Amino acid sequence: MNRRLLMSLVAVGAGLGGVGAAWWRYRAGPVQDGAEAALWAQRFEQPQGGELDMAALRGRPLLVNFWATWCPPCVEELPLIDAFAREQAARGWQVVGLAADRVEPVRRFLQRMPLVFPVGMVGMAGIELSKSLGNGSGALPFTVVLGADGRVADRKIGKVDADDLRQWAGLAR
């Protein structure tokens, strides 16, 4: 009986340790000095042609989602983010997807799953941009919420859910 109890306690401890390590690794870190200004100064090629000028989006709340076609959680969350973009547009929200990917896979993906929000191509350099915004691990997906003042209001490493989006929608009030 004592051995079984001991093994159970060890298993619980290991599980809690794993959860703690995951939380530590995937929590958003500090925004580096100048990162917000660098984001607003960017211009990104769009997969269907044209250019996405981040400066043109300043002055209204903005959700920026770093994603890739090869990232299953990224692909899973996109319909939810697309719905957020549709529902919150009337309240002044903007949404941008920044694809840490190659152009052709993103084009094919967008033909299968059109999105109402613009997508910019950041390639693997987008991982460095996301790191400057607090994504220390460089994990995808990574979402940044910027207020109308252009400053980072919140971030999330990992897949967003309806509760995250509901909370962020309240930031525009």
Foldseek 3Di string as FASTA:
>chain_A
DVVVVVVVVVVVVVVVVVVVVVCVLFPFAAQAPCLLVVQQQDWFAFLVGDIDRSVVLAQAKEKEKEAEPVDVLRVVQQVVVLVLQVVCVVLRYAYEYEYQYDSPVVVVVCVVPPGPHTYGYPHVVVLVSVVNGGRVNSAPTKMFIAHNNSHTPDIGHTHDDPVVSVVSSVRSD
